[in-house]
Amino acid sequence: MDSKRINRISEEIRKVISDLLIKGLKDPRISPMTTITSVEVTRDLSYANIYISVLGDEFEKDDTLQGLESAKGFIRKEIGRRVDLRHVPEPKFYLDESIERAIYMTELINKVTKEDQERRGNEDE
């Protein structure tokens, strides 16, 4: 299947799920600080791999994943209702921790830079 079409479908599914997170899902387990980072639809349109980022601790992340898994049928029905497809892909949720890793790496770089500046300042004296 055409990769442009797959990308468009992935983007439409991302929009639908993002909208559902804001307005449609009432499950208290789903954190309000949940973001859809990306959606990848398989070439045969059988699965939609949905990557989410949750701002919070491990308990909140696990709870959000459980809430989304339990709402999988509703989410699939809404995708089918809002996106014109012959076959609606099965949503699969994955935790995307790239944002947390990026923050951690930035903190490490800042720490090393600060230590390096302190060392160079001591050498000049």
N, C-alpha and C. Protein backbone atom coordinates (compact mmCIF):
# COMPACT_ATOMS: atom_id res chain seq x y z
N MET A 1 0.84 -1.18 0.00
CA MET A 1 0.00 0.00 0.00
C MET A 1 0.89 1.24 0.00
N ASP A 2 0.41 2.31 -0.56
CA ASP A 2 1.14 3.56 -0.69
C ASP A 2 1.50 4.12 0.68
N SER A 3 2.77 4.47 0.88
CA SER A 3 3.22 4.96 2.19
C SER A 3 2.60 6.32 2.52
N LYS A 4 2.30 7.13 1.51
CA LYS A 4 1.64 8.41 1.78
C LYS A 4 0.25 8.19 2.37
N ARG A 5 -0.46 7.20 1.84
CA ARG A 5 -1.80 6.90 2.35
C ARG A 5 -1.70 6.36 3.79
N ILE A 6 -0.74 5.51 4.03
CA ILE A 6 -0.53 4.97 5.38
C ILE A 6 -0.25 6.11 6.36
N ASN A 7 0.59 7.05 5.95
CA ASN A 7 0.92 8.19 6.82
C ASN A 7 -0.31 9.06 7.09
N ARG A 8 -1.13 9.28 6.06
CA ARG A 8 -2.36 10.07 6.25
C ARG A 8 -3.32 9.37 7.20
N ILE A 9 -3.47 8.07 7.04
CA ILE A 9 -4.35 7.31 7.92
C ILE A 9 -3.82 7.35 9.36
N SER A 10 -2.52 7.19 9.51
CA SER A 10 -1.90 7.26 10.84
C SER A 10 -2.17 8.60 11.51
N GLU A 11 -2.02 9.66 10.74
CA GLU A 11 -2.26 11.01 11.28
C GLU A 11 -3.72 11.21 11.66
N GLU A 12 -4.64 10.72 10.83
CA GLU A 12 -6.07 10.84 11.14
C GLU A 12 -6.41 10.07 12.41
N ILE A 13 -5.84 8.90 12.57
CA ILE A 13 -6.08 8.10 13.78
C ILE A 13 -5.51 8.82 14.99
N ARG A 14 -4.34 9.44 14.84
CA ARG A 14 -3.74 10.20 15.95
C ARG A 14 -4.66 11.33 16.38
N LYS A 15 -5.24 12.04 15.40
CA LYS A 15 -6.15 13.14 15.72
C LYS A 15 -7.40 12.64 16.45
N VAL A 16 -7.96 11.51 15.99
CA VAL A 16 -9.16 10.96 16.63
C VAL A 16 -8.87 10.58 18.07
N ILE A 17 -7.76 9.89 18.30
CA ILE A 17 -7.45 9.45 19.65
C ILE A 17 -7.10 10.63 20.54
N SER A 18 -6.40 11.61 20.02
CA SER A 18 -6.11 12.81 20.81
C SER A 18 -7.39 13.51 21.23
N ASP A 19 -8.34 13.61 20.30
CA ASP A 19 -9.63 14.21 20.61
C ASP A 19 -10.37 13.39 21.67
N LEU A 20 -10.30 12.07 21.56
CA LEU A 20 -10.95 11.21 22.55
C LEU A 20 -10.33 11.39 23.94
N LEU A 21 -9.02 11.57 23.99
CA LEU A 21 -8.36 11.78 25.28
C LEU A 21 -8.84 13.06 25.94
N ILE A 22 -9.11 14.07 25.12
CA ILE A 22 -9.55 15.36 25.66
C ILE A 22 -11.03 15.32 26.03
N LYS A 23 -11.87 14.77 25.14
CA LYS A 23 -13.32 14.90 25.31
C LYS A 23 -14.07 13.61 25.56
N GLY A 24 -13.60 12.48 25.02
CA GLY A 24 -14.45 11.31 24.96
C GLY A 24 -14.27 10.25 26.03
N LEU A 25 -13.06 10.06 26.53
CA LEU A 25 -12.81 8.98 27.48
C LEU A 25 -12.99 9.48 28.91
N LYS A 26 -13.85 8.80 29.64
CA LYS A 26 -14.16 9.22 31.00
C LYS A 26 -13.51 8.34 32.06
N ASP A 27 -12.64 7.43 31.67
CA ASP A 27 -12.00 6.51 32.60
C ASP A 27 -11.07 7.28 33.54
N PRO A 28 -11.28 7.18 34.85
CA PRO A 28 -10.43 7.94 35.79
C PRO A 28 -8.99 7.44 35.84
N ARG A 29 -8.73 6.25 35.31
CA ARG A 29 -7.36 5.73 35.30
C ARG A 29 -6.49 6.45 34.29
N ILE A 30 -7.10 7.03 33.26
CA ILE A 30 -6.33 7.69 32.21
C ILE A 30 -5.91 9.08 32.69
N SER A 31 -4.62 9.29 32.74
CA SER A 31 -4.06 10.55 33.23
C SER A 31 -4.41 11.70 32.28
N PRO A 32 -4.76 12.87 32.84
CA PRO A 32 -5.03 14.02 31.97
C PRO A 32 -3.76 14.54 31.27
N MET A 33 -2.61 14.08 31.74
CA MET A 33 -1.33 14.50 31.15
C MET A 33 -0.81 13.44 30.17
N THR A 34 -1.71 12.89 29.36
CA THR A 34 -1.36 11.87 28.38
C THR A 34 -1.31 12.51 26.99
N THR A 35 -0.26 12.17 26.25
CA THR A 35 -0.07 12.71 24.91
C THR A 35 0.16 11.56 23.94
N ILE A 36 -0.43 11.66 22.77
CA ILE A 36 -0.16 10.70 21.70
C ILE A 36 1.08 11.21 20.96
N THR A 37 2.19 10.49 21.07
CA THR A 37 3.41 10.95 20.41
C THR A 37 3.45 10.55 18.94
N SER A 38 2.97 9.34 18.64
CA SER A 38 2.91 8.94 17.23
C SER A 38 1.98 7.74 17.07
N VAL A 39 1.55 7.54 15.84
CA VAL A 39 0.73 6.39 15.47
C VAL A 39 1.33 5.80 14.20
N GLU A 40 1.54 4.50 14.21
CA GLU A 40 2.07 3.81 13.04
C GLU A 40 1.08 2.71 12.67
N VAL A 41 0.48 2.83 11.50
CA VAL A 41 -0.45 1.82 11.01
C VAL A 41 0.32 0.83 10.16
N THR A 42 0.07 -0.46 10.35
CA THR A 42 0.74 -1.48 9.55
C THR A 42 0.27 -1.37 8.10
N ARG A 43 1.07 -1.90 7.19
CA ARG A 43 0.78 -1.76 5.76
C ARG A 43 -0.54 -2.42 5.37
N ASP A 44 -0.94 -3.48 6.08
CA ASP A 44 -2.20 -4.14 5.76
C ASP A 44 -3.38 -3.57 6.54
N LEU A 45 -3.16 -2.50 7.28
CA LEU A 45 -4.18 -1.79 8.07
C LEU A 45 -4.82 -2.68 9.15
N SER A 46 -4.09 -3.69 9.61
CA SER A 46 -4.68 -4.56 10.63
C SER A 46 -4.41 -4.03 12.04
N TYR A 47 -3.32 -3.32 12.24
CA TYR A 47 -2.99 -2.80 13.56
C TYR A 47 -2.58 -1.33 13.48
N ALA A 48 -2.90 -0.61 14.54
CA ALA A 48 -2.42 0.76 14.71
C ALA A 48 -1.60 0.78 15.98
N ASN A 49 -0.29 0.92 15.84
CA ASN A 49 0.59 0.99 17.00
C ASN A 49 0.60 2.44 17.48
N ILE A 50 0.05 2.64 18.69
CA ILE A 50 -0.14 3.98 19.22
C ILE A 50 0.84 4.18 20.37
N TYR A 51 1.70 5.17 20.23
CA TYR A 51 2.71 5.46 21.24
C TYR A 51 2.25 6.65 22.07
N ILE A 52 2.20 6.45 23.39
CA ILE A 52 1.71 7.50 24.28
C ILE A 52 2.81 7.90 25.25
N SER A 53 2.75 9.13 25.68
CA SER A 53 3.64 9.64 26.71
C SER A 53 2.78 10.14 27.85
N VAL A 54 3.12 9.71 29.06
CA VAL A 54 2.36 10.10 30.24
C VAL A 54 3.29 10.81 31.19
N LEU A 55 2.92 12.02 31.57
CA LEU A 55 3.71 12.78 32.53
C LEU A 55 3.27 12.36 33.92
N GLY A 56 4.15 11.70 34.65
CA GLY A 56 3.81 11.23 35.99
C GLY A 56 4.70 10.06 36.38
N ASP A 57 4.34 9.43 37.48
CA ASP A 57 5.14 8.32 37.97
C ASP A 57 4.74 7.02 37.29
N GLU A 58 5.43 5.94 37.66
CA GLU A 58 5.18 4.64 37.03
C GLU A 58 3.75 4.16 37.26
N PHE A 59 3.19 4.43 38.44
CA PHE A 59 1.82 4.02 38.73
C PHE A 59 0.84 4.68 37.76
N GLU A 60 1.02 5.98 37.52
CA GLU A 60 0.14 6.70 36.59
C GLU A 60 0.28 6.17 35.17
N LYS A 61 1.51 5.83 34.78
CA LYS A 61 1.75 5.31 33.43
C LYS A 61 1.05 3.96 33.26
N ASP A 62 1.22 3.07 34.24
CA ASP A 62 0.58 1.75 34.17
C ASP A 62 -0.93 1.87 34.19
N ASP A 63 -1.44 2.75 35.05
CA ASP A 63 -2.89 2.96 35.14
C ASP A 63 -3.46 3.48 33.81
N THR A 64 -2.75 4.40 33.18
CA THR A 64 -3.20 4.96 31.91
C THR A 64 -3.22 3.89 30.84
N LEU A 65 -2.17 3.06 30.79
CA LEU A 65 -2.14 1.98 29.80
C LEU A 65 -3.29 1.01 30.02
N GLN A 66 -3.59 0.69 31.28
CA GLN A 66 -4.70 -0.22 31.58
C GLN A 66 -6.03 0.41 31.17
N GLY A 67 -6.20 1.70 31.44
CA GLY A 67 -7.42 2.39 31.06
C GLY A 67 -7.62 2.41 29.55
N LEU A 68 -6.54 2.65 28.82
CA LEU A 68 -6.63 2.67 27.36
C LEU A 68 -6.90 1.27 26.80
N GLU A 69 -6.29 0.26 27.41
CA GLU A 69 -6.54 -1.11 26.97
C GLU A 69 -8.00 -1.49 27.17
N SER A 70 -8.58 -1.06 28.30
CA SER A 70 -9.97 -1.41 28.55
C SER A 70 -10.92 -0.62 27.63
N ALA A 71 -10.47 0.53 27.14
CA ALA A 71 -11.31 1.35 26.25
C ALA A 71 -11.01 1.06 24.78
N LYS A 72 -10.23 0.02 24.50
CA LYS A 72 -9.79 -0.30 23.15
C LYS A 72 -10.96 -0.49 22.18
N GLY A 73 -12.02 -1.16 22.62
CA GLY A 73 -13.18 -1.38 21.76
C GLY A 73 -13.88 -0.09 21.39
N PHE A 74 -14.07 0.78 22.40
CA PHE A 74 -14.69 2.08 22.15
C PHE A 74 -13.82 2.92 21.21
N ILE A 75 -12.51 2.89 21.44
CA ILE A 75 -11.59 3.68 20.60
C ILE A 75 -11.65 3.19 19.16
N ARG A 76 -11.65 1.87 18.98
CA ARG A 76 -11.72 1.33 17.62
C ARG A 76 -13.04 1.71 16.94
N LYS A 77 -14.14 1.66 17.70
CA LYS A 77 -15.43 2.04 17.14
C LYS A 77 -15.43 3.51 16.71
N GLU A 78 -14.84 4.38 17.53
CA GLU A 78 -14.77 5.81 17.19
C GLU A 78 -13.88 6.06 15.98
N ILE A 79 -12.78 5.31 15.87
CA ILE A 79 -11.92 5.45 14.69
C ILE A 79 -12.72 5.08 13.45
N GLY A 80 -13.47 3.98 13.53
CA GLY A 80 -14.29 3.55 12.41
C GLY A 80 -15.38 4.54 12.05
N ARG A 81 -15.91 5.21 13.06
CA ARG A 81 -16.97 6.19 12.82
C ARG A 81 -16.42 7.48 12.20
N ARG A 82 -15.22 7.89 12.59
CA ARG A 82 -14.68 9.18 12.16
C ARG A 82 -13.75 9.11 10.95
N VAL A 83 -13.15 7.95 10.72
CA VAL A 83 -12.23 7.80 9.58
C VAL A 83 -12.85 6.78 8.63
N ASP A 84 -12.99 7.17 7.37
CA ASP A 84 -13.64 6.32 6.38
C ASP A 84 -12.68 5.23 5.90
N LEU A 85 -12.78 4.05 6.54
CA LEU A 85 -11.94 2.91 6.18
C LEU A 85 -12.80 1.67 6.05
N ARG A 86 -12.41 0.80 5.14
CA ARG A 86 -13.13 -0.47 5.00
C ARG A 86 -12.84 -1.39 6.19
N HIS A 87 -11.60 -1.41 6.61
CA HIS A 87 -11.19 -2.23 7.75
C HIS A 87 -10.54 -1.31 8.78
N VAL A 88 -11.08 -1.29 9.99
CA VAL A 88 -10.56 -0.43 11.05
C VAL A 88 -9.43 -1.17 11.77
N PRO A 89 -8.25 -0.57 11.87
CA PRO A 89 -7.13 -1.25 12.53
C PRO A 89 -7.36 -1.43 14.02
N GLU A 90 -6.81 -2.51 14.54
CA GLU A 90 -6.87 -2.82 15.97
C GLU A 90 -5.84 -1.94 16.69
N PRO A 91 -6.28 -1.12 17.66
CA PRO A 91 -5.30 -0.26 18.37
C PRO A 91 -4.45 -1.07 19.36
N LYS A 92 -3.16 -0.79 19.36
CA LYS A 92 -2.22 -1.38 20.31
C LYS A 92 -1.46 -0.22 20.94
N PHE A 93 -1.48 -0.15 22.25
CA PHE A 93 -0.87 0.98 22.95
C PHE A 93 0.49 0.61 23.51
N TYR A 94 1.43 1.54 23.33
CA TYR A 94 2.79 1.37 23.84
C TYR A 94 3.20 2.66 24.55
N LEU A 95 3.97 2.50 25.61
CA LEU A 95 4.47 3.65 26.35
C LEU A 95 5.72 4.18 25.66
N ASP A 96 5.72 5.45 25.33
CA ASP A 96 6.86 6.10 24.69
C ASP A 96 7.55 6.96 25.74
N GLU A 97 8.74 6.54 26.12
CA GLU A 97 9.47 7.26 27.16
C GLU A 97 10.59 8.12 26.58
N SER A 98 10.50 8.45 25.31
CA SER A 98 11.56 9.23 24.68
C SER A 98 11.64 10.64 25.27
N ILE A 99 10.51 11.21 25.67
CA ILE A 99 10.53 12.56 26.25
C ILE A 99 11.27 12.54 27.58
N GLU A 100 10.98 11.53 28.42
CA GLU A 100 11.68 11.41 29.70
C GLU A 100 13.17 11.19 29.50
N ARG A 101 13.52 10.35 28.50
CA ARG A 101 14.95 10.11 28.22
C ARG A 101 15.62 11.39 27.74
N ALA A 102 14.93 12.18 26.94
CA ALA A 102 15.51 13.43 26.44
C ALA A 102 15.74 14.41 27.59
N ILE A 103 14.79 14.50 28.52
CA ILE A 103 14.94 15.38 29.68
C ILE A 103 16.13 14.92 30.53
N TYR A 104 16.23 13.61 30.73
CA TYR A 104 17.33 13.05 31.52
C TYR A 104 18.67 13.35 30.86
N MET A 105 18.76 13.16 29.54
CA MET A 105 20.01 13.43 28.82
C MET A 105 20.37 14.92 28.89
N THR A 106 19.37 15.78 28.79
CA THR A 106 19.62 17.22 28.89
C THR A 106 20.17 17.57 30.26
N GLU A 107 19.60 16.97 31.31
CA GLU A 107 20.10 17.20 32.67
C GLU A 107 21.54 16.73 32.82
N LEU A 108 21.86 15.57 32.26
CA LEU A 108 23.24 15.07 32.32
C LEU A 108 24.20 15.99 31.60
N ILE A 109 23.81 16.46 30.42
CA ILE A 109 24.67 17.37 29.66
C ILE A 109 24.89 18.67 30.44
N ASN A 110 23.82 19.21 31.02
CA ASN A 110 23.95 20.44 31.81
C ASN A 110 24.85 20.23 33.01
N LYS A 111 24.74 19.08 33.65
CA LYS A 111 25.57 18.77 34.82
C LYS A 111 27.05 18.69 34.43
N VAL A 112 27.35 18.00 33.34
CA VAL A 112 28.73 17.86 32.89
C VAL A 112 29.28 19.22 32.45
N THR A 113 28.48 20.01 31.78
CA THR A 113 28.91 21.34 31.34
C THR A 113 29.24 22.22 32.55
N LYS A 114 28.39 22.17 33.56
CA LYS A 114 28.61 22.97 34.76
C LYS A 114 29.88 22.53 35.48
N GLU A 115 30.09 21.21 35.60
CA GLU A 115 31.30 20.69 36.26
C GLU A 115 32.54 21.09 35.47
N ASP A 116 32.45 21.05 34.14
CA ASP A 116 33.58 21.42 33.29
C ASP A 116 33.91 22.89 33.46
N GLN A 117 32.89 23.74 33.53
CA GLN A 117 33.13 25.18 33.71
C GLN A 117 33.75 25.45 35.08
N GLU A 118 33.29 24.73 36.10
CA GLU A 118 33.86 24.90 37.44
C GLU A 118 35.32 24.47 37.47
N ARG A 119 35.63 23.36 36.80
CA ARG A 119 37.01 22.88 36.75
C ARG A 119 37.90 23.87 36.02
N ARG A 120 37.42 24.39 34.91
CA ARG A 120 38.23 25.35 34.13
C ARG A 120 38.40 26.65 34.92
N GLY A 121 37.37 27.01 35.69
CA GLY A 121 37.49 28.22 36.51
C GLY A 121 38.54 28.05 37.60
N ASN A 122 38.63 26.87 38.17
CA ASN A 122 39.64 26.57 39.20
C ASN A 122 41.05 26.51 38.60
N GLU A 123 41.19 26.07 37.37
CA GLU A 123 42.50 26.00 36.72
C GLU A 123 43.06 27.37 36.41
N ASP A 124 42.18 28.34 36.13
CA ASP A 124 42.63 29.68 35.77
C ASP A 124 43.21 30.41 36.98
N GLU A 125 42.80 30.03 38.18
CA GLU A 125 43.23 30.77 39.37
C GLU A 125 44.61 30.42 39.83
